[in-house]
Amino acid sequence: MRVRGSAVIPAEVPSGIAARMVIEVRDASLADVPAPLVARVVLRDVPLAPGGRLPYEITVPDVPGVLVLSVRVERGEGGDLLTTRAVPVTGDRLVVTPLTLVA
């Protein structure tokens, strides 16, 4: 399955270039254990703009389970941007992923 989406940058984040953006899909179907990694994509030198969107695409193998997506944008100075809630993965829709600034 191919998942397409965009990560939404908070308006208070200044323009710049992030060192990398990591998109991961994990199987969250089991409780009380770390969610196994199913797919991962790393983008480098990602341009940031206040209130902007970062498009992404990730190929996810067909596996049974409850799949959730997370995004982490590593800025270096000034904190990183992260997803702070589970984003369900389905193949037939655009996934919009709000990011939160974590200093």
Protein backbone atom coordinates (compact mmCIF):
# COMPACT_ATOMS: atom_id res chain seq x y z
CA MET A 1 0.00 0.00 0.00
CA ARG A 2 1.25 3.48 -0.79
CA VAL A 3 0.39 6.15 1.77
CA ARG A 4 0.50 9.81 0.78
CA GLY A 5 0.22 12.69 3.16
CA SER A 6 1.40 16.03 4.38
CA ALA A 7 2.78 17.15 7.71
CA VAL A 8 1.43 20.53 8.86
CA ILE A 9 4.04 22.90 10.31
CA PRO A 10 2.90 25.13 13.21
CA ALA A 11 2.65 28.85 12.39
CA GLU A 12 5.19 29.78 15.09
CA VAL A 13 8.01 27.78 13.46
CA PRO A 14 10.41 30.09 11.57
CA SER A 15 11.50 29.43 8.00
CA GLY A 16 14.60 27.32 7.57
CA ILE A 17 15.94 23.92 6.58
CA ALA A 18 15.44 20.85 8.77
CA ALA A 19 18.26 18.31 8.81
CA ARG A 20 15.85 15.42 8.30
CA MET A 21 12.25 14.28 8.37
CA VAL A 22 11.48 10.72 9.49
CA ILE A 23 8.16 9.08 8.58
CA GLU A 24 7.45 5.76 10.30
CA VAL A 25 4.58 3.28 10.25
CA ARG A 26 4.28 0.90 13.19
CA ASP A 27 1.98 -2.00 14.12
CA ALA A 28 0.14 -0.87 17.24
CA SER A 29 -2.16 -3.88 17.53
CA LEU A 30 -0.50 -5.33 20.65
CA ALA A 31 -0.73 -3.67 24.05
CA ASP A 32 2.13 -3.37 26.54
CA VAL A 33 4.91 -3.99 24.01
CA PRO A 34 6.85 -1.61 21.75
CA ALA A 35 5.11 -1.24 18.37
CA PRO A 36 7.20 -3.02 15.70
CA LEU A 37 8.43 -0.89 12.81
CA VAL A 38 6.69 -1.77 9.52
CA ALA A 39 8.03 0.95 7.18
CA ARG A 40 10.33 3.98 7.39
CA VAL A 41 11.36 6.82 5.08
CA VAL A 42 13.96 9.51 5.80
CA LEU A 43 14.01 12.81 3.87
CA ARG A 44 17.00 15.15 4.21
CA ASP A 45 17.36 18.95 3.97
CA VAL A 46 13.63 19.61 4.31
CA PRO A 47 12.54 23.25 3.72
CA LEU A 48 10.31 24.67 6.47
CA ALA A 49 7.84 27.55 6.21
CA PRO A 50 5.53 28.83 8.99
CA GLY A 51 2.11 27.17 8.60
CA GLY A 52 3.37 25.22 5.58
CA ARG A 53 2.96 21.58 4.63
CA LEU A 54 5.58 18.93 4.01
CA PRO A 55 4.39 16.31 1.51
CA TYR A 56 5.47 12.71 1.97
CA GLU A 57 4.90 9.26 0.53
CA ILE A 58 5.68 5.91 2.10
CA THR A 59 5.21 2.35 0.85
CA VAL A 60 3.77 0.06 3.51
CA PRO A 61 3.74 -3.74 3.09
CA ASP A 62 0.42 -5.53 3.43
CA VAL A 63 0.53 -6.76 7.01
CA PRO A 64 -2.30 -7.53 9.40
CA GLY A 65 -2.62 -5.28 12.41
CA VAL A 66 -3.47 -1.76 13.46
CA LEU A 67 -1.06 0.50 11.60
CA VAL A 68 -0.25 4.00 12.83
CA LEU A 69 1.95 6.66 11.30
CA SER A 70 4.31 9.10 13.01
CA VAL A 71 6.38 11.98 11.69
CA ARG A 72 9.44 13.57 13.29
CA VAL A 73 11.20 16.63 11.82
CA GLU A 74 14.67 17.20 13.27
CA ARG A 75 15.55 20.89 13.10
CA GLY A 76 18.71 20.84 15.20
CA GLU A 77 18.40 24.18 17.01
CA GLY A 78 15.12 25.44 18.44
CA GLY A 79 13.44 22.09 19.01
CA ASP A 80 11.98 19.37 16.83
CA LEU A 81 8.53 18.89 15.30
CA LEU A 82 6.62 15.71 16.18
CA THR A 83 3.26 14.04 15.82
CA THR A 84 1.72 13.81 19.29
CA ARG A 85 -1.14 11.41 18.55
CA ALA A 86 -1.57 8.17 16.65
CA VAL A 87 -2.49 8.70 12.99
CA PRO A 88 -4.29 5.64 11.53
CA VAL A 89 -2.97 4.39 8.21
CA THR A 90 -5.35 3.64 5.36
CA GLY A 91 -4.35 3.47 1.72
CA ASP A 92 -7.10 5.39 0.00
CA ARG A 93 -6.90 8.84 1.53
CA LEU A 94 -4.49 11.67 2.02
CA VAL A 95 -3.11 11.58 5.55
CA VAL A 96 -2.85 15.03 7.16
CA THR A 97 -0.42 14.95 10.06
CA PRO A 98 -0.37 17.96 12.44
CA LEU A 99 3.05 18.58 14.01
CA THR A 100 3.83 20.02 17.44
CA LEU A 101 6.95 22.02 18.29
CA VAL A 102 8.88 20.31 21.12
CA ALA A 103 11.73 22.41 22.48
